C-alpha cells in the first residue's frame, strides 16, 4: 500500500546546520507545498524514540537524527489539511570520514506526495 511517488536527498559539506540535521520540503504532485504533513523516522542505526515533524504552511520541516548513520523517513499527508499521500526516502546523516570523525553536512530532502 505504498503510493509514494518520489523523494530526493542531498547532503553538502559545509552546509549550514548540524551534522545530524535533516531539513526539507513536502510538495504534492503539482509542486504545491503541503502543510500539516507528518515526517518521521521509520528506521535507523539504533532504536529510535518517537521523533516526528509536522510541516509548516510552506511545507517545510526539520528533524535531528539522534546519531550518525542511515535513516528511513516516511511522510504522510494529513487529509484534513490537503491532498492525501505518502512519500518515503532513505538518507545518510553525519557520514564517518577517514579518521573516524563525523562529516559536517546537513541533509536536505524534497518529498513529493503521490
Protein backbone atom coordinates (compact mmCIF):
# COMPACT_ATOMS: atom_id res chain seq x y z
CA UNK A 1 0.00 0.00 0.00
CA UNK A 2 2.87 2.32 -0.73
CA UNK A 3 1.80 5.12 -3.02
CA UNK A 4 4.91 7.22 -2.68
CA UNK A 5 5.99 8.92 -5.85
CA UNK A 6 9.42 10.44 -5.36
CA UNK A 7 11.95 11.65 -2.89
CA UNK A 8 15.35 13.28 -3.25
CA UNK A 9 18.01 13.74 -0.63
CA UNK A 10 21.23 15.67 -0.93
CA UNK A 11 23.99 16.47 1.54
CA UNK A 12 26.71 19.01 1.00
CA UNK A 13 29.79 19.51 3.12
CA UNK A 14 29.95 22.92 4.71
CA UNK A 15 26.18 23.43 4.67
CA UNK A 16 24.69 25.42 7.49
CA UNK A 17 23.18 23.41 10.32
CA UNK A 18 24.03 20.44 12.48
CA UNK A 19 25.79 17.38 11.07
CA UNK A 20 22.68 15.43 12.07
CA UNK A 21 20.05 17.89 10.88
CA UNK A 22 17.59 16.83 8.19
CA UNK A 23 15.59 19.65 6.64
CA UNK A 24 13.25 19.60 3.71
CA UNK A 25 10.06 20.47 1.92
CA UNK A 26 6.99 18.38 1.13
CA UNK A 27 5.09 19.06 -2.10
CA UNK A 28 2.08 17.48 -3.76
CA UNK A 29 2.32 16.06 -7.29
CA UNK A 30 1.72 19.52 -8.81
CA UNK A 31 4.51 21.14 -6.78
CA UNK A 32 2.32 22.90 -4.20
CA UNK A 33 3.73 22.84 -0.63
CA UNK A 34 1.84 20.52 1.74
CA UNK A 35 1.19 21.95 5.24
CA UNK A 36 0.43 19.66 8.17
CA UNK A 37 2.19 16.57 6.77
CA UNK A 38 3.94 14.31 9.28
CA UNK A 39 7.57 13.39 8.57
CA UNK A 40 9.03 10.68 10.78
CA UNK A 41 11.87 8.22 11.16
CA UNK A 42 10.88 4.61 10.43
CA UNK A 43 14.34 3.02 10.71
CA UNK A 44 17.83 3.97 11.77
CA UNK A 45 21.18 2.72 13.06
CA UNK A 46 19.87 2.35 16.61
CA UNK A 47 16.47 2.14 18.31
CA UNK A 48 14.62 5.39 17.69
CA UNK A 49 12.42 7.42 20.00
CA UNK A 50 9.17 8.67 18.52
CA UNK A 51 10.62 11.61 16.60
CA UNK A 52 8.42 13.34 14.03
CA UNK A 53 7.97 16.76 12.49
CA UNK A 54 4.90 18.48 11.09
CA UNK A 55 5.34 20.65 8.01
CA UNK A 56 4.64 24.36 8.27
CA UNK A 57 2.42 26.37 5.91
CA UNK A 58 5.16 26.29 3.26
CA UNK A 59 5.68 22.52 3.54
CA UNK A 60 9.00 22.85 5.41
CA UNK A 61 10.19 20.53 8.16
CA UNK A 62 13.29 19.85 10.25
CA UNK A 63 14.36 16.72 12.15
CA UNK A 64 17.50 15.95 14.11
CA UNK A 65 18.86 12.43 13.84
CA UNK A 66 19.92 11.04 17.24
CA UNK A 67 23.20 9.61 15.86
CA UNK A 68 25.16 9.45 12.59
CA UNK A 69 24.01 6.76 10.16
CA UNK A 70 21.38 5.84 7.60
CA UNK A 71 17.73 6.70 8.30
CA UNK A 72 14.47 5.81 6.58
CA UNK A 73 11.92 8.64 6.52
CA UNK A 74 8.20 8.42 5.91
CA UNK A 75 5.97 11.36 5.10
CA UNK A 76 2.19 11.13 5.46
CA UNK A 77 -0.09 13.95 4.50
CA UNK A 78 -2.99 14.85 6.75
CA UNK A 79 -6.09 14.54 4.51
CA UNK A 80 -7.82 17.21 6.63
CA UNK A 81 -5.07 19.69 5.67
CA UNK A 82 -4.70 18.91 1.97
CA UNK A 83 -4.22 16.13 -0.56
CA UNK A 84 -3.64 12.62 0.83
CA UNK A 85 -0.49 10.69 0.04
CA UNK A 86 2.80 9.33 1.30
CA UNK A 87 6.45 9.51 0.34
CA UNK A 88 9.50 7.62 1.59
CA UNK A 89 13.25 8.09 1.32
CA UNK A 90 16.48 6.98 2.93
CA UNK A 91 19.17 9.47 3.95
CA UNK A 92 22.69 9.18 5.36
CA UNK A 93 23.41 11.62 8.18
CA UNK A 94 26.83 12.55 9.53
CA UNK A 95 28.90 10.15 7.45
CA UNK A 96 32.11 8.95 9.08
CA UNK A 97 35.26 10.06 7.23
CA UNK A 98 38.77 8.55 7.15
CA UNK A 99 39.97 9.26 10.71
CA UNK A 100 36.67 8.31 12.36
CA UNK A 101 35.44 11.90 12.57
CA UNK A 102 31.91 12.76 11.50
CA UNK A 103 31.49 14.76 8.29
CA UNK A 104 29.68 18.04 8.95
CA UNK A 105 26.98 18.10 6.29
CA UNK A 106 23.33 18.92 6.78
CA UNK A 107 20.91 16.86 4.73
CA UNK A 108 18.22 18.49 2.58
CA UNK A 109 15.24 16.40 1.45
CA UNK A 110 12.47 17.12 -1.04
CA UNK A 111 9.47 14.82 -0.81
CA UNK A 112 6.72 14.67 -3.40
CA UNK A 113 3.48 13.02 -2.34
CA UNK A 114 1.61 10.73 -4.66
